[in-house]
């Protein structure tokens, strides 16, 4: 199943409801400021209800790469235990 991607933040009461999770099987995954959900008619309605805009996989990958680069630069300025790494989105 394909995924849908948006840039934003999960916040506020009603953003994701019990009904969204249980009945519509909408379980957003956040990766920094990216939000990923499995593509479905109900997921698209949820996205619209929350006023989010879809982005392409390529845009999501570019956004993720930029976020990781920024996190790595910050990491390199400070000593941390685990350096952020980029993942390939699917």
C-alpha atoms as a PDB file:
ATOM      1  CA  UNK A   1       0.000   0.000   0.000  1.00  0.00           C
ATOM      2  CA  UNK A   2       1.292   3.451  -0.870  1.00  0.00           C
ATOM      3  CA  UNK A   3       1.841   6.203   1.676  1.00  0.00           C
ATOM      4  CA  UNK A   4       0.795   9.836   1.744  1.00  0.00           C
ATOM      5  CA  UNK A   5       3.103  12.591   3.031  1.00  0.00           C
ATOM      6  CA  UNK A   6       2.470  16.027   4.513  1.00  0.00           C
ATOM      7  CA  UNK A   7       4.637  18.617   6.256  1.00  0.00           C
ATOM      8  CA  UNK A   8       3.250  19.797   9.565  1.00  0.00           C
ATOM      9  CA  UNK A   9       2.830  18.947  13.189  1.00  0.00           C
ATOM     10  CA  UNK A  10       0.324  16.771  14.972  1.00  0.00           C
ATOM     11  CA  UNK A  11      -1.325  19.018  17.522  1.00  0.00           C
ATOM     12  CA  UNK A  12      -4.613  20.002  19.030  1.00  0.00           C
ATOM     13  CA  UNK A  13      -7.638  18.166  20.274  1.00  0.00           C
ATOM     14  CA  UNK A  14      -9.418  16.317  17.495  1.00  0.00           C
ATOM     15  CA  UNK A  15      -6.420  16.203  15.166  1.00  0.00           C
ATOM     16  CA  UNK A  16      -6.456  12.431  15.428  1.00  0.00           C
ATOM     17  CA  UNK A  17      -9.485  10.926  17.134  1.00  0.00           C
ATOM     18  CA  UNK A  18     -10.177   7.504  18.591  1.00  0.00           C
ATOM     19  CA  UNK A  19     -12.553   6.929  15.670  1.00  0.00           C
ATOM     20  CA  UNK A  20      -9.808   7.883  13.185  1.00  0.00           C
ATOM     21  CA  UNK A  21      -7.513   5.256  14.693  1.00  0.00           C
ATOM     22  CA  UNK A  22     -10.009   2.489  15.389  1.00  0.00           C
ATOM     23  CA  UNK A  23     -12.566   2.668  12.585  1.00  0.00           C
ATOM     24  CA  UNK A  24     -10.609   4.347   9.812  1.00  0.00           C
ATOM     25  CA  UNK A  25      -7.212   2.787  10.618  1.00  0.00           C
ATOM     26  CA  UNK A  26      -5.456   6.170  10.421  1.00  0.00           C
ATOM     27  CA  UNK A  27      -2.176   5.960  12.315  1.00  0.00           C
ATOM     28  CA  UNK A  28       0.073   8.865  11.394  1.00  0.00           C
ATOM     29  CA  UNK A  29       3.808   8.442  11.730  1.00  0.00           C
ATOM     30  CA  UNK A  30       5.888  11.541  12.326  1.00  0.00           C
ATOM     31  CA  UNK A  31       9.441  11.854  11.090  1.00  0.00           C
ATOM     32  CA  UNK A  32      10.561  15.283  12.225  1.00  0.00           C
ATOM     33  CA  UNK A  33       8.045  17.662  10.647  1.00  0.00           C
ATOM     34  CA  UNK A  34       6.880  15.045   8.119  1.00  0.00           C
ATOM     35  CA  UNK A  35       3.656  13.148   8.641  1.00  0.00           C
ATOM     36  CA  UNK A  36       3.098   9.833   6.864  1.00  0.00           C
ATOM     37  CA  UNK A  37      -0.127   7.834   6.645  1.00  0.00           C
ATOM     38  CA  UNK A  38      -1.206   4.865   4.565  1.00  0.00           C
ATOM     39  CA  UNK A  39      -3.094   5.977   1.455  1.00  0.00           C
ATOM     40  CA  UNK A  40      -6.859   5.469   1.653  1.00  0.00           C
ATOM     41  CA  UNK A  41     -10.012   7.417   0.954  1.00  0.00           C
ATOM     42  CA  UNK A  42     -10.508   7.913   4.708  1.00  0.00           C
ATOM     43  CA  UNK A  43      -6.910   9.092   5.150  1.00  0.00           C
ATOM     44  CA  UNK A  44      -7.407  11.684   2.400  1.00  0.00           C
ATOM     45  CA  UNK A  45     -10.572  12.913   4.154  1.00  0.00           C
ATOM     46  CA  UNK A  46      -8.623  13.124   7.448  1.00  0.00           C
ATOM     47  CA  UNK A  47      -5.883  15.147   5.709  1.00  0.00           C
ATOM     48  CA  UNK A  48      -8.448  17.542   4.265  1.00  0.00           C
ATOM     49  CA  UNK A  49     -10.276  17.848   7.611  1.00  0.00           C
ATOM     50  CA  UNK A  50      -7.016  18.936   9.242  1.00  0.00           C
ATOM     51  CA  UNK A  51      -6.148  21.418   6.488  1.00  0.00           C
ATOM     52  CA  UNK A  52      -2.915  19.711   5.486  1.00  0.00           C
ATOM     53  CA  UNK A  53      -1.423  19.667   2.004  1.00  0.00           C
ATOM     54  CA  UNK A  54      -0.043  16.533   0.423  1.00  0.00           C
ATOM     55  CA  UNK A  55       3.522  16.502  -0.864  1.00  0.00           C
ATOM     56  CA  UNK A  56       5.151  13.974  -3.179  1.00  0.00           C
ATOM     57  CA  UNK A  57       7.467  11.201  -2.055  1.00  0.00           C
ATOM     58  CA  UNK A  58      10.376  13.101  -3.655  1.00  0.00           C
ATOM     59  CA  UNK A  59       9.440  16.266  -1.739  1.00  0.00           C
ATOM     60  CA  UNK A  60       9.126  14.260   1.473  1.00  0.00           C
ATOM     61  CA  UNK A  61      12.530  12.643   0.906  1.00  0.00           C
ATOM     62  CA  UNK A  62      14.118  16.058   0.229  1.00  0.00           C
ATOM     63  CA  UNK A  63      12.505  17.532   3.339  1.00  0.00           C
ATOM     64  CA  UNK A  64      13.688  14.577   5.398  1.00  0.00           C
ATOM     65  CA  UNK A  65      17.230  14.852   3.998  1.00  0.00           C
ATOM     66  CA  UNK A  66      17.325  18.579   4.841  1.00  0.00           C
ATOM     67  CA  UNK A  67      16.053  17.871   8.366  1.00  0.00           C
ATOM     68  CA  UNK A  68      18.700  15.186   8.880  1.00  0.00           C
ATOM     69  CA  UNK A  69      21.467  17.429   7.509  1.00  0.00           C
ATOM     70  CA  UNK A  70      20.422  20.148   9.934  1.00  0.00           C
ATOM     71  CA  UNK A  71      20.302  17.674  12.838  1.00  0.00           C
ATOM     72  CA  UNK A  72      23.705  16.259  11.875  1.00  0.00           C
ATOM     73  CA  UNK A  73      25.239  19.746  11.723  1.00  0.00           C
ATOM     74  CA  UNK A  74      23.813  20.473  15.170  1.00  0.00           C
ATOM     75  CA  UNK A  75      25.084  17.116  16.412  1.00  0.00           C
ATOM     76  CA  UNK A  76      28.550  17.815  15.069  1.00  0.00           C
ATOM     77  CA  UNK A  77      28.659  21.023  17.127  1.00  0.00           C
ATOM     78  CA  UNK A  78      27.791  19.136  20.302  1.00  0.00           C
ATOM     79  CA  UNK A  79      28.799  15.767  21.663  1.00  0.00           C
ATOM     80  CA  UNK A  80      25.822  13.402  21.635  1.00  0.00           C
ATOM     81  CA  UNK A  81      25.474   9.663  22.005  1.00  0.00           C
ATOM     82  CA  UNK A  82      23.755   8.904  18.691  1.00  0.00           C
ATOM     83  CA  UNK A  83      24.199  10.842  15.435  1.00  0.00           C
ATOM     84  CA  UNK A  84      20.975  11.199  13.365  1.00  0.00           C
ATOM     85  CA  UNK A  85      20.882   9.150  10.181  1.00  0.00           C
ATOM     86  CA  UNK A  86      18.796   9.470   7.056  1.00  0.00           C
ATOM     87  CA  UNK A  87      16.275   6.781   6.163  1.00  0.00           C
ATOM     88  CA  UNK A  88      14.654   5.986   2.824  1.00  0.00           C
ATOM     89  CA  UNK A  89      10.916   6.602   2.911  1.00  0.00           C
ATOM     90  CA  UNK A  90       8.561   4.137   1.230  1.00  0.00           C
END
